[in-house]
N, C-alpha and C. Protein backbone atom coordinates (compact mmCIF):
# COMPACT_ATOMS: atom_id res chain seq x y z
N UNK A 1 14.96 -20.75 69.19
CA UNK A 1 15.20 -20.04 67.96
C UNK A 1 14.05 -20.26 66.98
N UNK A 2 13.50 -21.52 66.99
CA UNK A 2 12.38 -21.81 66.11
C UNK A 2 11.19 -20.94 66.45
N UNK A 3 10.92 -20.71 67.74
CA UNK A 3 9.80 -19.87 68.15
C UNK A 3 9.99 -18.44 67.66
N UNK A 4 11.19 -17.93 67.73
CA UNK A 4 11.47 -16.57 67.28
C UNK A 4 11.25 -16.46 65.78
N UNK A 5 11.68 -17.49 65.02
CA UNK A 5 11.47 -17.49 63.58
C UNK A 5 9.97 -17.55 63.26
N UNK A 6 9.23 -18.35 64.00
CA UNK A 6 7.78 -18.47 63.79
C UNK A 6 7.09 -17.15 64.09
N UNK A 7 7.49 -16.49 65.17
CA UNK A 7 6.88 -15.21 65.54
C UNK A 7 7.21 -14.15 64.48
N UNK A 8 8.47 -14.11 64.03
CA UNK A 8 8.85 -13.16 62.99
C UNK A 8 8.10 -13.44 61.69
N UNK A 9 7.94 -14.70 61.33
CA UNK A 9 7.21 -15.08 60.12
C UNK A 9 5.75 -14.63 60.22
N UNK A 10 5.11 -14.89 61.37
CA UNK A 10 3.72 -14.47 61.56
C UNK A 10 3.58 -12.95 61.54
N UNK A 11 4.53 -12.26 62.15
CA UNK A 11 4.49 -10.80 62.15
C UNK A 11 4.65 -10.25 60.73
N UNK A 12 5.55 -10.85 59.96
CA UNK A 12 5.75 -10.44 58.58
C UNK A 12 4.50 -10.69 57.75
N UNK A 13 3.88 -11.85 57.90
CA UNK A 13 2.65 -12.19 57.17
C UNK A 13 1.52 -11.24 57.55
N UNK A 14 1.39 -10.95 58.82
CA UNK A 14 0.33 -10.04 59.28
C UNK A 14 0.54 -8.65 58.68
N UNK A 15 1.79 -8.21 58.65
CA UNK A 15 2.09 -6.91 58.07
C UNK A 15 1.73 -6.88 56.59
N UNK A 16 2.09 -7.93 55.87
CA UNK A 16 1.79 -8.00 54.44
C UNK A 16 0.27 -8.04 54.22
N UNK A 17 -0.42 -8.87 54.97
CA UNK A 17 -1.87 -9.00 54.79
C UNK A 17 -2.60 -7.70 55.11
N UNK A 18 -2.28 -7.05 56.18
CA UNK A 18 -2.99 -5.84 56.58
C UNK A 18 -2.56 -4.62 55.79
N UNK A 19 -1.33 -4.58 55.32
CA UNK A 19 -0.90 -3.41 54.55
C UNK A 19 -1.43 -3.47 53.12
N UNK A 20 -1.79 -4.62 52.63
CA UNK A 20 -2.34 -4.73 51.28
C UNK A 20 -3.83 -4.43 51.25
N UNK A 21 -4.40 -4.10 52.35
CA UNK A 21 -5.84 -3.89 52.45
C UNK A 21 -6.21 -2.41 52.45
N UNK A 22 -5.42 -1.59 51.78
CA UNK A 22 -5.66 -0.15 51.76
C UNK A 22 -6.92 0.23 50.99
N UNK A 23 -7.37 -0.61 50.07
CA UNK A 23 -8.53 -0.30 49.24
C UNK A 23 -9.81 -0.10 50.04
N UNK A 24 -9.89 -0.66 51.23
CA UNK A 24 -11.10 -0.51 52.04
C UNK A 24 -11.33 0.94 52.43
N UNK A 25 -10.25 1.71 52.55
CA UNK A 25 -10.37 3.10 52.96
C UNK A 25 -10.67 4.03 51.78
N UNK A 26 -10.50 3.56 50.55
CA UNK A 26 -10.73 4.43 49.40
C UNK A 26 -12.22 4.57 49.13
N UNK A 27 -12.58 5.69 48.52
CA UNK A 27 -13.98 5.97 48.21
C UNK A 27 -14.34 5.29 46.90
N UNK A 28 -15.42 4.54 46.91
CA UNK A 28 -15.87 3.87 45.71
C UNK A 28 -16.56 4.87 44.79
N UNK A 29 -16.18 4.86 43.52
CA UNK A 29 -16.78 5.78 42.56
C UNK A 29 -18.20 5.32 42.24
N UNK A 30 -19.14 6.25 42.28
CA UNK A 30 -20.54 5.95 42.03
C UNK A 30 -20.87 6.36 40.60
N UNK A 31 -21.58 5.52 39.90
CA UNK A 31 -21.94 5.79 38.51
C UNK A 31 -23.35 6.35 38.40
N UNK A 32 -23.54 7.19 37.42
CA UNK A 32 -24.87 7.75 37.14
C UNK A 32 -25.69 6.80 36.26
N UNK A 33 -25.03 5.80 35.69
CA UNK A 33 -25.68 4.86 34.77
C UNK A 33 -26.83 4.14 35.47
N UNK A 34 -27.97 4.07 34.78
CA UNK A 34 -29.13 3.37 35.31
C UNK A 34 -30.36 4.26 35.33
N UNK A 35 -31.42 3.73 35.91
CA UNK A 35 -32.71 4.44 35.97
C UNK A 35 -32.84 5.19 37.28
N UNK A 36 -33.24 6.45 37.20
CA UNK A 36 -33.44 7.32 38.36
C UNK A 36 -34.85 7.89 38.28
N UNK A 37 -35.53 7.96 39.41
CA UNK A 37 -36.87 8.53 39.48
C UNK A 37 -36.82 9.83 40.27
N UNK A 38 -37.44 10.88 39.72
CA UNK A 38 -37.50 12.16 40.42
C UNK A 38 -38.46 12.01 41.59
N UNK A 39 -37.93 12.10 42.80
CA UNK A 39 -38.74 11.93 44.01
C UNK A 39 -39.34 13.25 44.47
N UNK A 40 -38.56 14.32 44.38
CA UNK A 40 -39.09 15.62 44.80
C UNK A 40 -38.39 16.74 44.06
N UNK A 41 -39.08 17.88 44.04
CA UNK A 41 -38.56 19.08 43.39
C UNK A 41 -38.86 20.28 44.28
N UNK A 42 -37.83 21.05 44.59
CA UNK A 42 -37.99 22.32 45.29
C UNK A 42 -37.62 23.41 44.30
N UNK A 43 -38.31 24.54 44.35
CA UNK A 43 -38.03 25.57 43.37
C UNK A 43 -38.40 26.96 43.89
N UNK A 44 -37.84 27.95 43.23
CA UNK A 44 -38.32 29.33 43.35
C UNK A 44 -38.52 29.81 41.92
N UNK A 45 -39.56 30.57 41.70
CA UNK A 45 -39.86 31.08 40.37
C UNK A 45 -39.99 32.60 40.44
N UNK A 46 -39.29 33.27 39.53
CA UNK A 46 -39.31 34.73 39.52
C UNK A 46 -39.56 35.25 38.11
N UNK A 47 -40.08 36.45 38.06
CA UNK A 47 -40.24 37.18 36.81
C UNK A 47 -39.67 38.57 37.06
N UNK A 48 -38.68 38.94 36.27
CA UNK A 48 -37.99 40.22 36.47
C UNK A 48 -37.46 40.37 37.90
N UNK A 49 -36.99 39.26 38.49
CA UNK A 49 -36.40 39.28 39.81
C UNK A 49 -37.38 39.28 40.97
N UNK A 50 -38.67 39.22 40.68
CA UNK A 50 -39.68 39.24 41.74
C UNK A 50 -40.37 37.88 41.77
N UNK A 51 -40.54 37.33 42.97
CA UNK A 51 -41.24 36.06 43.13
C UNK A 51 -42.59 36.15 42.41
N UNK A 52 -42.93 35.12 41.63
CA UNK A 52 -44.15 35.22 40.81
C UNK A 52 -45.42 35.35 41.64
N UNK A 53 -45.43 34.79 42.83
CA UNK A 53 -46.62 34.92 43.68
C UNK A 53 -46.76 36.36 44.16
N UNK A 54 -45.65 36.95 44.61
CA UNK A 54 -45.67 38.36 45.01
C UNK A 54 -46.07 39.25 43.84
N UNK A 55 -45.54 38.92 42.67
CA UNK A 55 -45.84 39.71 41.48
C UNK A 55 -47.32 39.63 41.12
N UNK A 56 -47.90 38.47 41.35
CA UNK A 56 -49.33 38.30 41.06
C UNK A 56 -50.15 39.26 41.90
N UNK A 57 -49.81 39.39 43.17
CA UNK A 57 -50.52 40.31 44.07
C UNK A 57 -50.23 41.76 43.69
N UNK A 58 -48.95 42.07 43.42
CA UNK A 58 -48.56 43.43 43.03
C UNK A 58 -49.32 43.88 41.78
N UNK A 59 -49.55 42.94 40.87
CA UNK A 59 -50.19 43.32 39.60
C UNK A 59 -51.71 43.42 39.71
N UNK A 60 -52.25 43.32 40.94
CA UNK A 60 -53.68 43.55 41.11
C UNK A 60 -54.49 42.33 41.52
N UNK A 61 -53.86 41.18 41.57
CA UNK A 61 -54.59 39.98 42.00
C UNK A 61 -54.76 39.97 43.51
N UNK A 62 -55.80 39.31 43.96
CA UNK A 62 -56.02 39.20 45.40
C UNK A 62 -55.09 38.15 45.98
N UNK A 63 -54.96 38.15 47.29
CA UNK A 63 -54.13 37.15 47.96
C UNK A 63 -54.69 35.75 47.71
N UNK A 64 -56.00 35.62 47.72
CA UNK A 64 -56.64 34.33 47.46
C UNK A 64 -56.33 33.86 46.03
N UNK A 65 -56.41 34.77 45.06
CA UNK A 65 -56.07 34.42 43.68
C UNK A 65 -54.60 34.02 43.57
N UNK A 66 -53.74 34.68 44.33
CA UNK A 66 -52.32 34.35 44.32
C UNK A 66 -52.08 32.94 44.84
N UNK A 67 -52.80 32.55 45.90
CA UNK A 67 -52.67 31.19 46.43
C UNK A 67 -53.16 30.16 45.42
N UNK A 68 -54.26 30.48 44.73
CA UNK A 68 -54.77 29.57 43.69
C UNK A 68 -53.76 29.46 42.55
N UNK A 69 -53.20 30.60 42.15
CA UNK A 69 -52.18 30.61 41.11
C UNK A 69 -50.98 29.77 41.53
N UNK A 70 -50.53 29.95 42.77
CA UNK A 70 -49.37 29.20 43.27
C UNK A 70 -49.65 27.70 43.26
N UNK A 71 -50.83 27.30 43.71
CA UNK A 71 -51.18 25.87 43.73
C UNK A 71 -51.25 25.31 42.31
N UNK A 72 -51.81 26.09 41.39
CA UNK A 72 -51.90 25.65 40.00
C UNK A 72 -50.52 25.54 39.37
N UNK A 73 -49.67 26.53 39.63
CA UNK A 73 -48.32 26.54 39.09
C UNK A 73 -47.51 25.37 39.64
N UNK A 74 -47.62 25.14 40.94
CA UNK A 74 -46.89 24.03 41.56
C UNK A 74 -47.37 22.69 41.02
N UNK A 75 -48.68 22.52 40.87
CA UNK A 75 -49.23 21.28 40.32
C UNK A 75 -48.76 21.08 38.87
N UNK A 76 -48.69 22.17 38.11
CA UNK A 76 -48.21 22.13 36.73
C UNK A 76 -46.77 21.62 36.68
N UNK A 77 -45.89 22.20 37.51
CA UNK A 77 -44.48 21.78 37.53
C UNK A 77 -44.32 20.35 38.01
N UNK A 78 -45.02 20.01 39.09
CA UNK A 78 -44.89 18.65 39.63
C UNK A 78 -45.40 17.61 38.64
N UNK A 79 -46.47 17.92 37.91
CA UNK A 79 -46.99 16.97 36.92
C UNK A 79 -45.98 16.72 35.80
N UNK A 80 -45.18 17.73 35.49
CA UNK A 80 -44.16 17.58 34.46
C UNK A 80 -42.92 16.84 34.94
N UNK A 81 -42.59 17.00 36.23
CA UNK A 81 -41.27 16.57 36.70
C UNK A 81 -41.30 15.41 37.69
N UNK A 82 -42.06 15.56 38.79
CA UNK A 82 -42.04 14.54 39.85
C UNK A 82 -42.57 13.21 39.29
N UNK A 83 -41.88 12.15 39.63
CA UNK A 83 -42.13 10.78 39.17
C UNK A 83 -41.68 10.52 37.74
N UNK A 84 -41.00 11.48 37.12
CA UNK A 84 -40.37 11.22 35.83
C UNK A 84 -39.22 10.25 36.07
N UNK A 85 -38.94 9.43 35.06
CA UNK A 85 -37.84 8.48 35.15
C UNK A 85 -36.79 8.88 34.11
N UNK A 86 -35.54 8.96 34.58
CA UNK A 86 -34.43 9.28 33.69
C UNK A 86 -33.54 8.05 33.63
N UNK A 87 -33.34 7.53 32.42
CA UNK A 87 -32.48 6.36 32.22
C UNK A 87 -31.20 6.84 31.54
N UNK A 88 -30.07 6.76 32.27
CA UNK A 88 -28.77 7.12 31.73
C UNK A 88 -28.09 5.85 31.23
N UNK A 89 -27.70 5.83 29.97
CA UNK A 89 -27.06 4.66 29.37
C UNK A 89 -25.55 4.86 29.26
N UNK A 90 -24.83 3.74 29.18
CA UNK A 90 -23.37 3.78 29.11
C UNK A 90 -22.85 4.49 27.87
N UNK A 91 -23.64 4.51 26.79
CA UNK A 91 -23.19 5.15 25.55
C UNK A 91 -23.47 6.66 25.55
N UNK A 92 -23.74 7.21 26.72
CA UNK A 92 -24.02 8.64 26.93
C UNK A 92 -25.33 9.10 26.30
N UNK A 93 -26.23 8.16 26.07
CA UNK A 93 -27.59 8.54 25.68
C UNK A 93 -28.45 8.47 26.93
N UNK A 94 -29.59 9.14 26.89
CA UNK A 94 -30.52 9.07 28.00
C UNK A 94 -31.93 9.16 27.46
N UNK A 95 -32.88 8.81 28.31
CA UNK A 95 -34.28 8.99 27.97
C UNK A 95 -35.01 9.39 29.23
N UNK A 96 -35.75 10.49 29.14
CA UNK A 96 -36.60 10.95 30.24
C UNK A 96 -38.01 10.55 29.88
N UNK A 97 -38.66 9.83 30.79
CA UNK A 97 -40.07 9.49 30.59
C UNK A 97 -40.86 10.20 31.66
N UNK A 98 -41.69 11.14 31.22
CA UNK A 98 -42.52 11.91 32.15
C UNK A 98 -43.68 11.06 32.64
N UNK A 99 -44.32 11.48 33.73
CA UNK A 99 -45.45 10.72 34.26
C UNK A 99 -46.55 10.46 33.24
N UNK A 100 -46.71 11.35 32.25
CA UNK A 100 -47.73 11.13 31.23
C UNK A 100 -47.28 10.12 30.18
N UNK A 101 -46.07 9.59 30.33
CA UNK A 101 -45.58 8.54 29.44
C UNK A 101 -44.83 9.02 28.22
N UNK A 102 -44.65 10.31 28.06
CA UNK A 102 -43.96 10.85 26.90
C UNK A 102 -42.45 10.71 27.07
N UNK A 103 -41.79 9.85 26.26
CA UNK A 103 -40.33 9.73 26.38
C UNK A 103 -39.62 10.83 25.59
N UNK A 104 -38.54 11.35 26.17
CA UNK A 104 -37.73 12.36 25.51
C UNK A 104 -36.28 11.89 25.52
N UNK A 105 -35.74 11.49 24.37
CA UNK A 105 -34.36 11.01 24.31
C UNK A 105 -33.36 12.14 24.11
N UNK A 106 -32.11 11.82 24.37
CA UNK A 106 -31.04 12.78 24.15
C UNK A 106 -29.70 12.18 24.53
N UNK A 107 -28.72 13.04 24.69
CA UNK A 107 -27.38 12.63 25.09
C UNK A 107 -26.96 13.40 26.33
N UNK A 108 -26.10 12.78 27.12
CA UNK A 108 -25.64 13.40 28.36
C UNK A 108 -24.13 13.40 28.42
N UNK A 109 -23.59 14.33 29.22
CA UNK A 109 -22.15 14.40 29.46
C UNK A 109 -21.93 14.96 30.86
N UNK A 110 -20.86 14.49 31.49
CA UNK A 110 -20.45 15.01 32.79
C UNK A 110 -19.07 15.63 32.61
N UNK A 111 -18.86 16.83 33.17
CA UNK A 111 -17.57 17.49 33.02
C UNK A 111 -16.47 16.73 33.78
N UNK A 112 -15.23 17.15 33.58
CA UNK A 112 -14.08 16.40 34.11
C UNK A 112 -14.03 16.30 35.62
N UNK A 113 -14.54 17.29 36.35
CA UNK A 113 -14.52 17.19 37.81
C UNK A 113 -15.85 16.69 38.38
N UNK A 114 -16.71 16.17 37.52
CA UNK A 114 -17.99 15.56 37.91
C UNK A 114 -18.88 16.51 38.70
N UNK A 115 -18.82 17.80 38.36
CA UNK A 115 -19.66 18.77 39.07
C UNK A 115 -20.86 19.23 38.25
N UNK A 116 -20.82 18.99 36.94
CA UNK A 116 -21.91 19.43 36.05
C UNK A 116 -22.35 18.29 35.14
N UNK A 117 -23.66 18.17 35.00
CA UNK A 117 -24.28 17.21 34.09
C UNK A 117 -24.98 18.02 33.01
N UNK A 118 -24.67 17.74 31.75
CA UNK A 118 -25.33 18.44 30.65
C UNK A 118 -26.21 17.45 29.90
N UNK A 119 -27.47 17.82 29.71
CA UNK A 119 -28.42 17.03 28.95
C UNK A 119 -28.70 17.76 27.64
N UNK A 120 -28.56 17.06 26.52
CA UNK A 120 -28.85 17.64 25.22
C UNK A 120 -29.97 16.81 24.60
N UNK A 121 -31.14 17.43 24.49
CA UNK A 121 -32.31 16.75 23.95
C UNK A 121 -32.25 16.73 22.42
N UNK A 122 -33.09 15.89 21.80
CA UNK A 122 -33.08 15.76 20.34
C UNK A 122 -33.39 17.06 19.61
N UNK A 123 -34.14 17.97 20.24
CA UNK A 123 -34.45 19.25 19.60
C UNK A 123 -33.34 20.28 19.85
N UNK A 124 -32.17 19.81 20.33
CA UNK A 124 -30.99 20.62 20.62
C UNK A 124 -31.13 21.51 21.85
N UNK A 125 -32.19 21.33 22.62
CA UNK A 125 -32.30 22.03 23.90
C UNK A 125 -31.23 21.47 24.82
N UNK A 126 -30.45 22.37 25.42
CA UNK A 126 -29.36 21.95 26.31
C UNK A 126 -29.67 22.43 27.72
N UNK A 127 -29.58 21.51 28.67
CA UNK A 127 -29.85 21.82 30.07
C UNK A 127 -28.60 21.47 30.88
N UNK A 128 -28.02 22.46 31.55
CA UNK A 128 -26.85 22.25 32.40
C UNK A 128 -27.31 22.17 33.85
N UNK A 129 -26.92 21.10 34.52
CA UNK A 129 -27.32 20.86 35.90
C UNK A 129 -26.10 20.67 36.78
N UNK A 130 -26.10 21.32 37.93
CA UNK A 130 -25.02 21.12 38.90
C UNK A 130 -25.30 19.84 39.66
N UNK A 131 -24.29 18.99 39.78
CA UNK A 131 -24.43 17.77 40.57
C UNK A 131 -24.10 18.14 42.01
N UNK A 132 -25.15 18.31 42.82
CA UNK A 132 -24.96 18.68 44.23
C UNK A 132 -24.45 17.49 45.02
N UNK A 133 -24.98 16.29 44.71
CA UNK A 133 -24.48 15.07 45.35
C UNK A 133 -24.87 13.86 44.50
N UNK A 134 -24.02 12.85 44.56
CA UNK A 134 -24.25 11.59 43.86
C UNK A 134 -23.83 10.47 44.78
N UNK A 135 -24.79 9.65 45.16
CA UNK A 135 -24.54 8.48 46.00
C UNK A 135 -25.14 7.27 45.27
N UNK A 136 -24.95 6.10 45.82
CA UNK A 136 -25.42 4.89 45.18
C UNK A 136 -26.90 4.95 44.83
N UNK A 137 -27.73 5.45 45.75
CA UNK A 137 -29.18 5.45 45.54
C UNK A 137 -29.82 6.83 45.51
N UNK A 138 -29.01 7.89 45.45
CA UNK A 138 -29.59 9.24 45.44
C UNK A 138 -28.72 10.20 44.62
N UNK A 139 -29.38 11.00 43.81
CA UNK A 139 -28.73 12.00 42.99
C UNK A 139 -29.47 13.32 43.21
N UNK A 140 -28.74 14.38 43.56
CA UNK A 140 -29.35 15.69 43.76
C UNK A 140 -28.75 16.64 42.72
N UNK A 141 -29.64 17.26 41.94
CA UNK A 141 -29.25 18.17 40.88
C UNK A 141 -29.83 19.55 41.12
N UNK A 142 -29.07 20.59 40.78
CA UNK A 142 -29.55 21.97 40.87
C UNK A 142 -29.50 22.56 39.47
N UNK A 143 -30.50 23.37 39.15
CA UNK A 143 -30.50 23.98 37.83
C UNK A 143 -31.38 25.21 37.76
N UNK A 144 -31.30 25.85 36.62
CA UNK A 144 -32.13 27.02 36.33
C UNK A 144 -32.78 26.76 34.97
N UNK A 145 -34.08 27.01 34.91
CA UNK A 145 -34.81 26.80 33.66
C UNK A 145 -35.63 28.05 33.37
N UNK A 146 -35.68 28.43 32.11
CA UNK A 146 -36.47 29.58 31.68
C UNK A 146 -37.74 29.07 31.03
N UNK A 147 -38.87 29.54 31.55
CA UNK A 147 -40.18 29.07 31.09
C UNK A 147 -40.96 30.23 30.49
N UNK A 148 -41.34 30.14 29.21
CA UNK A 148 -42.16 31.20 28.63
C UNK A 148 -43.53 31.26 29.32
N UNK A 149 -44.02 32.45 29.57
CA UNK A 149 -45.30 32.61 30.26
C UNK A 149 -46.43 31.92 29.51
N UNK A 150 -46.37 31.95 28.18
CA UNK A 150 -47.47 31.36 27.40
C UNK A 150 -47.58 29.85 27.57
N UNK A 151 -46.59 29.21 28.17
CA UNK A 151 -46.68 27.76 28.40
C UNK A 151 -47.38 27.42 29.71
N UNK A 152 -47.74 28.43 30.50
CA UNK A 152 -48.43 28.17 31.77
C UNK A 152 -49.87 27.75 31.53
N UNK A 153 -50.44 26.95 32.44
CA UNK A 153 -51.80 26.46 32.25
C UNK A 153 -52.88 27.48 32.59
N UNK A 154 -52.50 28.70 32.94
CA UNK A 154 -53.49 29.74 33.25
C UNK A 154 -53.10 31.01 32.51
N UNK A 155 -54.07 31.87 32.31
CA UNK A 155 -53.84 33.13 31.61
C UNK A 155 -53.24 34.15 32.57
N UNK A 156 -52.07 34.65 32.21
CA UNK A 156 -51.42 35.66 33.04
C UNK A 156 -50.73 36.66 32.12
N UNK A 157 -51.05 37.91 32.28
CA UNK A 157 -50.41 38.98 31.51
C UNK A 157 -49.87 39.99 32.51
N UNK A 158 -48.60 39.83 32.85
CA UNK A 158 -48.02 40.69 33.87
C UNK A 158 -47.32 41.90 33.27
N UNK A 159 -46.41 41.68 32.33
CA UNK A 159 -45.66 42.82 31.79
C UNK A 159 -45.53 42.80 30.28
N UNK A 160 -45.69 41.68 29.65
CA UNK A 160 -45.56 41.64 28.20
C UNK A 160 -45.45 40.22 27.68
N UNK A 161 -45.53 40.08 26.36
CA UNK A 161 -45.58 38.75 25.75
C UNK A 161 -44.23 38.05 25.72
N UNK A 162 -43.13 38.77 25.87
CA UNK A 162 -41.81 38.15 25.81
C UNK A 162 -41.25 37.80 27.18
N UNK A 163 -42.05 37.95 28.22
CA UNK A 163 -41.57 37.65 29.56
C UNK A 163 -41.30 36.16 29.73
N UNK A 164 -40.33 35.87 30.57
CA UNK A 164 -39.98 34.49 30.89
C UNK A 164 -39.94 34.36 32.41
N UNK A 165 -40.40 33.24 32.86
CA UNK A 165 -40.31 32.93 34.28
C UNK A 165 -39.03 32.14 34.48
N UNK A 166 -38.21 32.56 35.42
CA UNK A 166 -36.96 31.87 35.74
C UNK A 166 -37.23 30.95 36.92
N UNK A 167 -36.99 29.66 36.71
CA UNK A 167 -37.22 28.67 37.76
C UNK A 167 -35.86 28.15 38.22
N UNK A 168 -35.53 28.41 39.47
CA UNK A 168 -34.31 27.92 40.10
C UNK A 168 -34.74 26.70 40.90
N UNK A 169 -34.23 25.51 40.56
CA UNK A 169 -34.77 24.29 41.15
C UNK A 169 -33.71 23.33 41.66
N UNK A 170 -34.14 22.48 42.57
CA UNK A 170 -33.36 21.35 43.08
C UNK A 170 -34.19 20.10 42.84
N UNK A 171 -33.56 19.08 42.28
CA UNK A 171 -34.23 17.80 42.05
C UNK A 171 -33.57 16.72 42.88
N UNK A 172 -34.37 15.91 43.52
CA UNK A 172 -33.85 14.74 44.24
C UNK A 172 -34.34 13.51 43.48
N UNK A 173 -33.38 12.73 42.98
CA UNK A 173 -33.69 11.51 42.25
C UNK A 173 -33.23 10.31 43.05
N UNK A 174 -33.97 9.23 42.95
CA UNK A 174 -33.61 7.99 43.65
C UNK A 174 -33.60 6.82 42.68
N UNK A 175 -32.85 5.77 43.04
CA UNK A 175 -32.85 4.53 42.24
C UNK A 175 -33.81 3.56 42.86
């Protein structure tokens, strides 16, 4: 009888110990708080719905000039974005430090289902980014940015002075 009681006691203890361990199966919530470095940027850029490189050729530029324009445009974007560091603080403030060392502070918010990240810079510029994925060491964001043509590092007059280039981009950030 003592052996049966011992076996029942051990079985009961094993059941209690293993049934209380449900937390191992739950997904750990990952925080955006901390410093993130932009590792890479993929993008498409259009003007009036046409890829800007195609538009460059359509507007009379040679294919060689279009490749030079594309390389210059890509270098311009990468110099602004790639290797930038974004520091998200617990008080919902952030600071973006671009590779040239210029810090840009602001405030951030994530919507209730954690699908959108909104950045509000000190000049009231608001950038809404879709959170494609968030893991311990990687954050992928998707967004759309409107860039005035006059801010480009080369002279381009395609259709008028009020034209804007629409940049649809994906950013991969790492810790």
